[in-house]
Amino acid sequence: MVSPRLLAATDQRSLPLEWRIVDWAGRCVRLDPHTTKNGEARSFPFTADIEKVLKEQLAIHETLKKAER
């Protein structure tokens, strides 16, 4: 799961975000329509700093996933 706080969520809802929404090649995050307050899809770019944190979080995610096996 991707941290909603990392993505600068404007409210305190906890959203079940998934790694599939991260477009590494396009350097953006694409929110599905049903996950936004107005029900519309949303896309926004991420900075180099956010990319670094996302990669760190992905490495942790992959390590935990391997440990489950």
N, C-alpha and C. Protein backbone atom coordinates (compact mmCIF):
# COMPACT_ATOMS: atom_id res chain seq x y z
N MET A 1 0.83 -1.18 0.00
CA MET A 1 0.00 0.00 0.00
C MET A 1 0.87 1.25 0.00
N VAL A 2 0.43 2.25 -0.67
CA VAL A 2 1.12 3.53 -0.72
C VAL A 2 0.53 4.41 0.37
N SER A 3 1.38 5.11 1.08
CA SER A 3 0.91 5.97 2.16
C SER A 3 0.16 7.19 1.62
N PRO A 4 -1.09 7.39 2.05
CA PRO A 4 -1.83 8.57 1.61
C PRO A 4 -1.16 9.87 2.06
N ARG A 5 -0.52 9.86 3.23
CA ARG A 5 0.16 11.06 3.71
C ARG A 5 1.31 11.42 2.80
N LEU A 6 1.99 10.42 2.28
CA LEU A 6 3.09 10.66 1.36
C LEU A 6 2.59 11.38 0.12
N LEU A 7 1.40 11.08 -0.28
CA LEU A 7 0.82 11.67 -1.47
C LEU A 7 0.09 12.97 -1.17
N ALA A 8 0.31 13.52 0.01
CA ALA A 8 -0.25 14.81 0.41
C ALA A 8 -1.77 14.83 0.37
N ALA A 9 -2.38 13.82 0.96
CA ALA A 9 -3.84 13.80 1.05
C ALA A 9 -4.30 15.03 1.82
N THR A 10 -5.39 15.63 1.37
CA THR A 10 -5.84 16.87 1.99
C THR A 10 -6.74 16.64 3.19
N ASP A 11 -7.16 15.44 3.42
CA ASP A 11 -7.94 15.16 4.61
C ASP A 11 -7.34 13.97 5.34
N GLN A 12 -7.96 13.55 6.40
CA GLN A 12 -7.39 12.50 7.23
C GLN A 12 -7.92 11.10 6.92
N ARG A 13 -8.61 10.95 5.79
CA ARG A 13 -9.09 9.62 5.42
C ARG A 13 -7.91 8.72 5.14
N SER A 14 -8.06 7.46 5.45
CA SER A 14 -7.04 6.47 5.10
C SER A 14 -7.52 5.76 3.85
N LEU A 15 -6.79 5.94 2.76
CA LEU A 15 -7.19 5.34 1.51
C LEU A 15 -6.36 4.09 1.23
N PRO A 16 -7.00 3.03 0.77
CA PRO A 16 -6.26 1.81 0.42
C PRO A 16 -5.61 1.96 -0.97
N LEU A 17 -4.53 2.70 -1.01
CA LEU A 17 -3.85 2.93 -2.28
C LEU A 17 -2.95 1.75 -2.61
N GLU A 18 -2.80 1.47 -3.89
CA GLU A 18 -2.02 0.32 -4.33
C GLU A 18 -0.87 0.76 -5.22
N TRP A 19 0.14 -0.08 -5.31
CA TRP A 19 1.31 0.25 -6.11
C TRP A 19 0.99 0.40 -7.59
N ARG A 20 -0.08 -0.20 -8.05
CA ARG A 20 -0.43 -0.12 -9.47
C ARG A 20 -0.75 1.30 -9.90
N ILE A 21 -1.05 2.20 -8.95
CA ILE A 21 -1.38 3.58 -9.31
C ILE A 21 -0.13 4.43 -9.55
N VAL A 22 1.03 3.89 -9.20
CA VAL A 22 2.28 4.63 -9.40
C VAL A 22 2.78 4.36 -10.82
N ASP A 23 2.85 5.41 -11.61
CA ASP A 23 3.36 5.32 -12.97
C ASP A 23 4.82 5.77 -12.94
N TRP A 24 5.71 4.79 -12.78
CA TRP A 24 7.14 5.10 -12.64
C TRP A 24 7.68 5.78 -13.89
N ALA A 25 7.32 5.30 -15.07
CA ALA A 25 7.82 5.86 -16.32
C ALA A 25 7.32 7.29 -16.52
N GLY A 26 6.06 7.52 -16.19
CA GLY A 26 5.48 8.84 -16.35
C GLY A 26 5.71 9.75 -15.16
N ARG A 27 6.32 9.19 -14.11
CA ARG A 27 6.61 9.93 -12.87
C ARG A 27 5.38 10.64 -12.31
N CYS A 28 4.28 9.86 -12.22
CA CYS A 28 3.07 10.43 -11.63
C CYS A 28 2.28 9.33 -10.91
N VAL A 29 1.32 9.79 -10.13
CA VAL A 29 0.41 8.89 -9.42
C VAL A 29 -0.96 9.12 -10.01
N ARG A 30 -1.66 8.05 -10.33
CA ARG A 30 -2.99 8.14 -10.94
C ARG A 30 -4.03 7.55 -9.99
N LEU A 31 -4.85 8.42 -9.44
CA LEU A 31 -5.90 7.98 -8.52
C LEU A 31 -7.13 7.56 -9.32
N ASP A 32 -7.69 6.42 -8.95
CA ASP A 32 -8.91 5.93 -9.60
C ASP A 32 -10.10 6.81 -9.22
N PRO A 33 -11.11 6.88 -10.09
CA PRO A 33 -12.27 7.74 -9.83
C PRO A 33 -12.94 7.50 -8.47
N HIS A 34 -13.09 6.25 -8.08
CA HIS A 34 -13.81 5.95 -6.84
C HIS A 34 -13.00 6.27 -5.58
N THR A 35 -11.76 6.73 -5.72
CA THR A 35 -10.93 7.01 -4.55
C THR A 35 -10.80 8.50 -4.24
N THR A 36 -11.43 9.35 -5.04
CA THR A 36 -11.35 10.79 -4.80
C THR A 36 -12.67 11.31 -4.25
N LYS A 37 -12.61 12.46 -3.59
CA LYS A 37 -13.81 13.02 -2.98
C LYS A 37 -14.89 13.35 -4.01
N ASN A 38 -14.48 13.83 -5.18
CA ASN A 38 -15.49 14.21 -6.18
C ASN A 38 -15.81 13.08 -7.16
N GLY A 39 -15.19 11.91 -6.95
CA GLY A 39 -15.48 10.76 -7.79
C GLY A 39 -14.82 10.78 -9.15
N GLU A 40 -13.95 11.74 -9.38
CA GLU A 40 -13.26 11.83 -10.67
C GLU A 40 -11.83 11.34 -10.54
N ALA A 41 -11.32 10.73 -11.61
CA ALA A 41 -9.92 10.29 -11.62
C ALA A 41 -9.02 11.51 -11.49
N ARG A 42 -7.86 11.28 -10.91
CA ARG A 42 -6.92 12.38 -10.71
C ARG A 42 -5.51 11.88 -10.93
N SER A 43 -4.68 12.72 -11.50
CA SER A 43 -3.30 12.36 -11.76
C SER A 43 -2.42 13.53 -11.36
N PHE A 44 -1.30 13.23 -10.70
CA PHE A 44 -0.38 14.30 -10.37
C PHE A 44 1.05 13.78 -10.38
N PRO A 45 1.99 14.64 -10.78
CA PRO A 45 3.40 14.23 -10.86
C PRO A 45 4.01 14.13 -9.47
N PHE A 46 5.09 13.35 -9.38
CA PHE A 46 5.81 13.33 -8.11
C PHE A 46 7.24 13.83 -8.30
N THR A 47 7.75 14.43 -7.26
CA THR A 47 9.09 15.02 -7.28
C THR A 47 10.13 13.93 -7.07
N ALA A 48 11.39 14.30 -7.23
CA ALA A 48 12.50 13.37 -6.99
C ALA A 48 12.49 12.91 -5.54
N ASP A 49 12.15 13.81 -4.61
CA ASP A 49 12.10 13.44 -3.19
C ASP A 49 11.01 12.41 -2.93
N ILE A 50 9.85 12.61 -3.52
CA ILE A 50 8.75 11.65 -3.35
C ILE A 50 9.11 10.33 -4.02
N GLU A 51 9.76 10.39 -5.18
CA GLU A 51 10.18 9.17 -5.85
C GLU A 51 11.12 8.36 -4.96
N LYS A 52 12.03 9.03 -4.29
CA LYS A 52 12.96 8.35 -3.39
C LYS A 52 12.21 7.63 -2.27
N VAL A 53 11.25 8.32 -1.67
CA VAL A 53 10.47 7.72 -0.58
C VAL A 53 9.62 6.57 -1.11
N LEU A 54 9.01 6.75 -2.28
CA LEU A 54 8.20 5.67 -2.87
C LEU A 54 9.05 4.43 -3.10
N LYS A 55 10.27 4.61 -3.62
CA LYS A 55 11.15 3.47 -3.86
C LYS A 55 11.55 2.79 -2.57
N GLU A 56 11.80 3.58 -1.52
CA GLU A 56 12.11 3.00 -0.22
C GLU A 56 10.94 2.19 0.31
N GLN A 57 9.73 2.75 0.19
CA GLN A 57 8.53 2.05 0.65
C GLN A 57 8.27 0.79 -0.18
N LEU A 58 8.53 0.85 -1.47
CA LEU A 58 8.35 -0.32 -2.33
C LEU A 58 9.33 -1.43 -1.93
N ALA A 59 10.55 -1.07 -1.60
CA ALA A 59 11.54 -2.06 -1.17
C ALA A 59 11.08 -2.74 0.12
N ILE A 60 10.54 -1.96 1.05
CA ILE A 60 10.01 -2.53 2.30
C ILE A 60 8.84 -3.46 1.98
N HIS A 61 7.94 -3.01 1.12
CA HIS A 61 6.79 -3.82 0.72
C HIS A 61 7.23 -5.16 0.13
N GLU A 62 8.21 -5.11 -0.77
CA GLU A 62 8.68 -6.34 -1.41
C GLU A 62 9.36 -7.27 -0.41
N THR A 63 10.09 -6.71 0.54
CA THR A 63 10.73 -7.53 1.58
C THR A 63 9.67 -8.23 2.44
N LEU A 64 8.64 -7.50 2.84
CA LEU A 64 7.57 -8.10 3.64
C LEU A 64 6.81 -9.16 2.85
N LYS A 65 6.61 -8.90 1.58
CA LYS A 65 5.90 -9.86 0.74
C LYS A 65 6.70 -11.16 0.62
N LYS A 66 8.01 -11.06 0.47
CA LYS A 66 8.85 -12.25 0.40
C LYS A 66 8.83 -13.04 1.71
N ALA A 67 8.75 -12.32 2.82
CA ALA A 67 8.74 -12.97 4.13
C ALA A 67 7.47 -13.77 4.37
N GLU A 68 6.39 -13.40 3.68
CA GLU A 68 5.11 -14.12 3.80
C GLU A 68 5.17 -15.50 3.15
N ARG A 69 6.07 -15.70 2.21
CA ARG A 69 6.11 -16.96 1.46
C ARG A 69 6.58 -18.09 2.27
